[in-house]
Amino acid sequence: AAYRIVQEALTNVRRHAGGPGPAAAQ
């Protein structure tokens, strides 16, 4: 479950990376 949650959270970050700045995550 931890792996899947991190995977989905990163997917959301990448999917919604449409702003003026570069997408990045921690």
PDB file of all heavy atoms in Angstrom:
ATOM      1  N   ALA A   1       0.833  -1.208   0.000  1.00  0.00           N
ATOM      2  CA  ALA A   1       0.000   0.000   0.000  1.00  0.00           C
ATOM      3  C   ALA A   1       0.862   1.250   0.000  1.00  0.00           C
ATOM      4  O   ALA A   1       0.537   2.245  -0.675  1.00  0.00           O
ATOM      5  CB  ALA A   1      -0.928  -0.013   1.211  1.00  0.00           C
ATOM      6  N   ALA A   2       1.966   1.234   0.753  1.00  0.00           N
ATOM      7  CA  ALA A   2       2.859   2.400   0.777  1.00  0.00           C
ATOM      8  C   ALA A   2       3.417   2.671  -0.619  1.00  0.00           C
ATOM      9  O   ALA A   2       3.468   3.825  -1.070  1.00  0.00           O
ATOM     10  CB  ALA A   2       3.983   2.168   1.779  1.00  0.00           C
ATOM     11  N   TYR A   3       3.855   1.642  -1.319  1.00  0.00           N
ATOM     12  CA  TYR A   3       4.369   1.809  -2.679  1.00  0.00           C
ATOM     13  C   TYR A   3       3.305   2.413  -3.585  1.00  0.00           C
ATOM     14  O   TYR A   3       3.566   3.358  -4.339  1.00  0.00           O
ATOM     15  CB  TYR A   3       4.831   0.455  -3.219  1.00  0.00           C
ATOM     16  CG  TYR A   3       5.368   0.494  -4.625  1.00  0.00           C
ATOM     17  CD1 TYR A   3       6.723   0.699  -4.881  1.00  0.00           C
ATOM     18  CD2 TYR A   3       4.519   0.321  -5.714  1.00  0.00           C
ATOM     19  CE1 TYR A   3       7.211   0.737  -6.176  1.00  0.00           C
ATOM     20  CE2 TYR A   3       4.999   0.357  -7.016  1.00  0.00           C
ATOM     21  CZ  TYR A   3       6.350   0.565  -7.238  1.00  0.00           C
ATOM     22  OH  TYR A   3       6.820   0.606  -8.524  1.00  0.00           O
ATOM     23  N   ARG A   4       2.073   1.870  -3.516  1.00  0.00           N
ATOM     24  CA  ARG A   4       1.014   2.350  -4.396  1.00  0.00           C
ATOM     25  C   ARG A   4       0.633   3.800  -4.074  1.00  0.00           C
ATOM     26  O   ARG A   4       0.321   4.587  -4.978  1.00  0.00           O
ATOM     27  CB  ARG A   4      -0.216   1.448  -4.266  1.00  0.00           C
ATOM     28  CG  ARG A   4      -0.045   0.059  -4.868  1.00  0.00           C
ATOM     29  CD  ARG A   4       0.321   0.136  -6.323  1.00  0.00           C
ATOM     30  NE  ARG A   4       0.270  -1.185  -6.967  1.00  0.00           N
ATOM     31  CZ  ARG A   4       0.789  -1.455  -8.148  1.00  0.00           C
ATOM     32  NH1 ARG A   4       1.423  -0.502  -8.807  1.00  0.00           N
ATOM     33  NH2 ARG A   4       0.697  -2.661  -8.666  1.00  0.00           N
ATOM     34  N   ILE A   5       0.636   4.155  -2.801  1.00  0.00           N
ATOM     35  CA  ILE A   5       0.281   5.532  -2.440  1.00  0.00           C
ATOM     36  C   ILE A   5       1.324   6.511  -2.973  1.00  0.00           C
ATOM     37  O   ILE A   5       0.991   7.559  -3.540  1.00  0.00           O
ATOM     38  CB  ILE A   5       0.125   5.651  -0.912  1.00  0.00           C
ATOM     39  CG1 ILE A   5      -1.140   4.905  -0.459  1.00  0.00           C
ATOM     40  CG2 ILE A   5       0.074   7.107  -0.473  1.00  0.00           C
ATOM     41  CD1 ILE A   5      -1.306   4.817   1.036  1.00  0.00           C
ATOM     42  N   VAL A   6       2.604   6.175  -2.806  1.00  0.00           N
ATOM     43  CA  VAL A   6       3.658   7.037  -3.343  1.00  0.00           C
ATOM     44  C   VAL A   6       3.542   7.106  -4.865  1.00  0.00           C
ATOM     45  O   VAL A   6       3.681   8.183  -5.477  1.00  0.00           O
ATOM     46  CB  VAL A   6       5.043   6.529  -2.918  1.00  0.00           C
ATOM     47  CG1 VAL A   6       6.154   7.316  -3.610  1.00  0.00           C
ATOM     48  CG2 VAL A   6       5.209   6.626  -1.409  1.00  0.00           C
ATOM     49  N   GLN A   7       3.280   5.984  -5.495  1.00  0.00           N
ATOM     50  CA  GLN A   7       3.155   5.958  -6.954  1.00  0.00           C
ATOM     51  C   GLN A   7       2.011   6.856  -7.421  1.00  0.00           C
ATOM     52  O   GLN A   7       2.158   7.646  -8.353  1.00  0.00           O
ATOM     53  CB  GLN A   7       2.919   4.517  -7.412  1.00  0.00           C
ATOM     54  CG  GLN A   7       2.842   4.347  -8.919  1.00  0.00           C
ATOM     55  CD  GLN A   7       2.506   2.914  -9.308  1.00  0.00           C
ATOM     56  OE1 GLN A   7       1.517   2.368  -8.844  1.00  0.00           O
ATOM     57  NE2 GLN A   7       3.356   2.319 -10.142  1.00  0.00           N
ATOM     58  N   GLU A   8       0.862   6.757  -6.748  1.00  0.00           N
ATOM     59  CA  GLU A   8      -0.280   7.559  -7.154  1.00  0.00           C
ATOM     60  C   GLU A   8      -0.037   9.043  -6.878  1.00  0.00           C
ATOM     61  O   GLU A   8      -0.443   9.914  -7.674  1.00  0.00           O
ATOM     62  CB  GLU A   8      -1.538   7.083  -6.419  1.00  0.00           C
ATOM     63  CG  GLU A   8      -2.811   7.834  -6.790  1.00  0.00           C
ATOM     64  CD  GLU A   8      -3.172   7.686  -8.261  1.00  0.00           C
ATOM     65  OE1 GLU A   8      -2.806   6.646  -8.861  1.00  0.00           O
ATOM     66  OE2 GLU A   8      -3.802   8.608  -8.810  1.00  0.00           O
ATOM     67  N   ALA A   9       0.607   9.346  -5.749  1.00  0.00           N
ATOM     68  CA  ALA A   9       0.894  10.750  -5.436  1.00  0.00           C
ATOM     69  C   ALA A   9       1.839  11.363  -6.475  1.00  0.00           C
ATOM     70  O   ALA A   9       1.639  12.508  -6.923  1.00  0.00           O
ATOM     71  CB  ALA A   9       1.489  10.857  -4.038  1.00  0.00           C
ATOM     72  N   LEU A  10       2.870  10.613  -6.878  1.00  0.00           N
ATOM     73  CA  LEU A  10       3.779  11.114  -7.914  1.00  0.00           C
ATOM     74  C   LEU A  10       3.059  11.248  -9.248  1.00  0.00           C
ATOM     75  O   LEU A  10       3.344  12.164 -10.039  1.00  0.00           O
ATOM     76  CB  LEU A  10       4.984  10.186  -8.043  1.00  0.00           C
ATOM     77  CG  LEU A  10       5.942  10.156  -6.846  1.00  0.00           C
ATOM     78  CD1 LEU A  10       7.058   9.147  -7.072  1.00  0.00           C
ATOM     79  CD2 LEU A  10       6.535  11.545  -6.588  1.00  0.00           C
ATOM     80  N   THR A  11       2.123  10.322  -9.519  1.00  0.00           N
ATOM     81  CA  THR A  11       1.343  10.430 -10.750  1.00  0.00           C
ATOM     82  C   THR A  11       0.528  11.710 -10.760  1.00  0.00           C
ATOM     83  O   THR A  11       0.433  12.410 -11.782  1.00  0.00           O
ATOM     84  CB  THR A  11       0.410   9.209 -10.888  1.00  0.00           C
ATOM     85  OG1 THR A  11       1.198   8.019 -10.917  1.00  0.00           O
ATOM     86  CG2 THR A  11      -0.418   9.293 -12.159  1.00  0.00           C
ATOM     87  N   ASN A  12      -0.059  12.060  -9.615  1.00  0.00           N
ATOM     88  CA  ASN A  12      -0.828  13.302  -9.531  1.00  0.00           C
ATOM     89  C   ASN A  12       0.061  14.526  -9.757  1.00  0.00           C
ATOM     90  O   ASN A  12      -0.329  15.480 -10.434  1.00  0.00           O
ATOM     91  CB  ASN A  12      -1.514  13.400  -8.167  1.00  0.00           C
ATOM     92  CG  ASN A  12      -2.749  12.522  -8.092  1.00  0.00           C
ATOM     93  OD1 ASN A  12      -3.165  11.942  -9.091  1.00  0.00           O
ATOM     94  ND2 ASN A  12      -3.325  12.415  -6.922  1.00  0.00           N
ATOM     95  N   VAL A  13       1.260  14.491  -9.165  1.00  0.00           N
ATOM     96  CA  VAL A  13       2.179  15.614  -9.355  1.00  0.00           C
ATOM     97  C   VAL A  13       2.514  15.778 -10.838  1.00  0.00           C
ATOM     98  O   VAL A  13       2.478  16.880 -11.392  1.00  0.00           O
ATOM     99  CB  VAL A  13       3.459  15.415  -8.523  1.00  0.00           C
ATOM    100  CG1 VAL A  13       4.480  16.506  -8.841  1.00  0.00           C
ATOM    101  CG2 VAL A  13       3.129  15.419  -7.039  1.00  0.00           C
ATOM    102  N   ARG A  14       2.857  14.671 -11.485  1.00  0.00           N
ATOM    103  CA  ARG A  14       3.240  14.736 -12.893  1.00  0.00           C
ATOM    104  C   ARG A  14       2.033  15.082 -13.782  1.00  0.00           C
ATOM    105  O   ARG A  14       2.141  15.854 -14.731  1.00  0.00           O
ATOM    106  CB  ARG A  14       3.828  13.396 -13.318  1.00  0.00           C
ATOM    107  CG  ARG A  14       4.346  13.385 -14.754  1.00  0.00           C
ATOM    108  CD  ARG A  14       5.023  12.071 -15.085  1.00  0.00           C
ATOM    109  NE  ARG A  14       4.109  10.954 -14.948  1.00  0.00           N
ATOM    110  CZ  ARG A  14       4.216  10.014 -14.014  1.00  0.00           C
ATOM    111  NH1 ARG A  14       5.192  10.052 -13.127  1.00  0.00           N
ATOM    112  NH2 ARG A  14       3.362   9.017 -13.944  1.00  0.00           N
ATOM    113  N   ARG A  15       0.864  14.544 -13.452  1.00  0.00           N
ATOM    114  CA  ARG A  15      -0.312  14.760 -14.286  1.00  0.00           C
ATOM    115  C   ARG A  15      -0.754  16.215 -14.260  1.00  0.00           C
ATOM    116  O   ARG A  15      -1.228  16.752 -15.265  1.00  0.00           O
ATOM    117  CB  ARG A  15      -1.450  13.860 -13.809  1.00  0.00           C
ATOM    118  CG  ARG A  15      -2.739  13.994 -14.618  1.00  0.00           C
ATOM    119  CD  ARG A  15      -3.818  13.110 -14.030  1.00  0.00           C
ATOM    120  NE  ARG A  15      -3.427  11.718 -14.099  1.00  0.00           N
ATOM    121  CZ  ARG A  15      -3.730  10.803 -13.158  1.00  0.00           C
ATOM    122  NH1 ARG A  15      -4.370  11.179 -12.084  1.00  0.00           N
ATOM    123  NH2 ARG A  15      -3.356   9.552 -13.301  1.00  0.00           N
ATOM    124  N   HIS A  16      -0.616  16.854 -13.099  1.00  0.00           N
ATOM    125  CA  HIS A  16      -1.093  18.226 -12.957  1.00  0.00           C
ATOM    126  C   HIS A  16       0.036  19.255 -13.037  1.00  0.00           C
ATOM    127  O   HIS A  16      -0.098  20.363 -12.544  1.00  0.00           O
ATOM    128  CB  HIS A  16      -1.838  18.374 -11.635  1.00  0.00           C
ATOM    129  CG  HIS A  16      -2.996  17.425 -11.499  1.00  0.00           C
ATOM    130  ND1 HIS A  16      -4.085  17.453 -12.332  1.00  0.00           N
ATOM    131  CD2 HIS A  16      -3.208  16.388 -10.633  1.00  0.00           C
ATOM    132  CE1 HIS A  16      -4.947  16.506 -11.983  1.00  0.00           C
ATOM    133  NE2 HIS A  16      -4.430  15.840 -10.967  1.00  0.00           N
ATOM    134  N   ALA A  17       1.158  18.828 -13.612  1.00  0.00           N
ATOM    135  CA  ALA A  17       2.289  19.767 -13.759  1.00  0.00           C
ATOM    136  C   ALA A  17       2.033  20.664 -14.963  1.00  0.00           C
ATOM    137  O   ALA A  17       2.606  20.489 -16.034  1.00  0.00           O
ATOM    138  CB  ALA A  17       3.585  18.993 -13.923  1.00  0.00           C
ATOM    139  N   GLY A  18       1.153  21.607 -14.760  1.00  0.00           N
ATOM    140  CA  GLY A  18       0.834  22.497 -15.883  1.00  0.00           C
ATOM    141  C   GLY A  18       1.027  23.957 -15.554  1.00  0.00           C
ATOM    142  O   GLY A  18       0.583  24.841 -16.291  1.00  0.00           O
ATOM    143  N   GLY A  19       1.692  24.249 -14.433  1.00  0.00           N
ATOM    144  CA  GLY A  19       1.879  25.625 -14.003  1.00  0.00           C
ATOM    145  C   GLY A  19       3.054  26.273 -14.689  1.00  0.00           C
ATOM    146  O   GLY A  19       3.704  25.705 -15.565  1.00  0.00           O
ATOM    147  N   PRO A  20       3.378  27.498 -14.249  1.00  0.00           N
ATOM    148  CA  PRO A  20       4.483  28.220 -14.897  1.00  0.00           C
ATOM    149  C   PRO A  20       5.842  27.669 -14.527  1.00  0.00           C
ATOM    150  O   PRO A  20       6.798  27.857 -15.273  1.00  0.00           O
ATOM    151  CB  PRO A  20       4.295  29.651 -14.379  1.00  0.00           C
ATOM    152  CG  PRO A  20       3.542  29.492 -13.085  1.00  0.00           C
ATOM    153  CD  PRO A  20       2.663  28.320 -13.259  1.00  0.00           C
ATOM    154  N   GLY A  21       6.007  27.005 -13.391  1.00  0.00           N
ATOM    155  CA  GLY A  21       7.316  26.523 -12.954  1.00  0.00           C
ATOM    156  C   GLY A  21       7.490  25.044 -13.217  1.00  0.00           C
ATOM    157  O   GLY A  21       6.552  24.343 -13.590  1.00  0.00           O
ATOM    158  N   PRO A  22       8.702  24.513 -13.044  1.00  0.00           N
ATOM    159  CA  PRO A  22       8.951  23.092 -13.260  1.00  0.00           C
ATOM    160  C   PRO A  22       8.342  22.253 -12.141  1.00  0.00           C
ATOM    161  O   PRO A  22       8.278  22.677 -10.985  1.00  0.00           O
ATOM    162  CB  PRO A  22      10.475  23.005 -13.258  1.00  0.00           C
ATOM    163  CG  PRO A  22      10.915  24.157 -12.402  1.00  0.00           C
ATOM    164  CD  PRO A  22       9.925  25.244 -12.637  1.00  0.00           C
ATOM    165  N   ALA A  23       7.913  21.030 -12.509  1.00  0.00           N
ATOM    166  CA  ALA A  23       7.361  20.113 -11.522  1.00  0.00           C
ATOM    167  C   ALA A  23       8.496  19.402 -10.800  1.00  0.00           C
ATOM    168  O   ALA A  23       9.479  18.989 -11.408  1.00  0.00           O
ATOM    169  CB  ALA A  23       6.455  19.100 -12.207  1.00  0.00           C
ATOM    170  N   ALA A  24       8.345  19.245  -9.492  1.00  0.00           N
ATOM    171  CA  ALA A  24       9.310  18.532  -8.664  1.00  0.00           C
ATOM    172  C   ALA A  24       8.588  18.027  -7.433  1.00  0.00           C
ATOM    173  O   ALA A  24       7.542  18.559  -7.041  1.00  0.00           O
ATOM    174  CB  ALA A  24      10.478  19.438  -8.277  1.00  0.00           C
ATOM    175  N   ALA A  25       9.128  16.997  -6.821  1.00  0.00           N
ATOM    176  CA  ALA A  25       8.469  16.394  -5.670  1.00  0.00           C
ATOM    177  C   ALA A  25       9.499  15.934  -4.663  1.00  0.00           C
ATOM    178  O   ALA A  25      10.664  15.673  -5.006  1.00  0.00           O
ATOM    179  CB  ALA A  25       7.591  15.228  -6.092  1.00  0.00           C
ATOM    180  N   GLN A  26       9.048  15.817  -3.411  1.00  0.00           N
ATOM    181  CA  GLN A  26       9.864  15.231  -2.345  1.00  0.00           C
ATOM    182  C   GLN A  26       9.058  14.139  -1.675  1.00  0.00           C
ATOM    183  O   GLN A  26       7.914  14.343  -1.265  1.00  0.00           O
ATOM    184  CB  GLN A  26      10.270  16.284  -1.306  1.00  0.00           C
ATOM    185  CG  GLN A  26      11.007  15.675  -0.104  1.00  0.00           C
ATOM    186  CD  GLN A  26      11.432  16.710   0.908  1.00  0.00           C
ATOM    187  OE1 GLN A  26      12.055  17.713   0.553  1.00  0.00           O
ATOM    188  NE2 GLN A  26      11.094  16.484   2.165  1.00  0.00           N
TER     189      GLN A  26
END
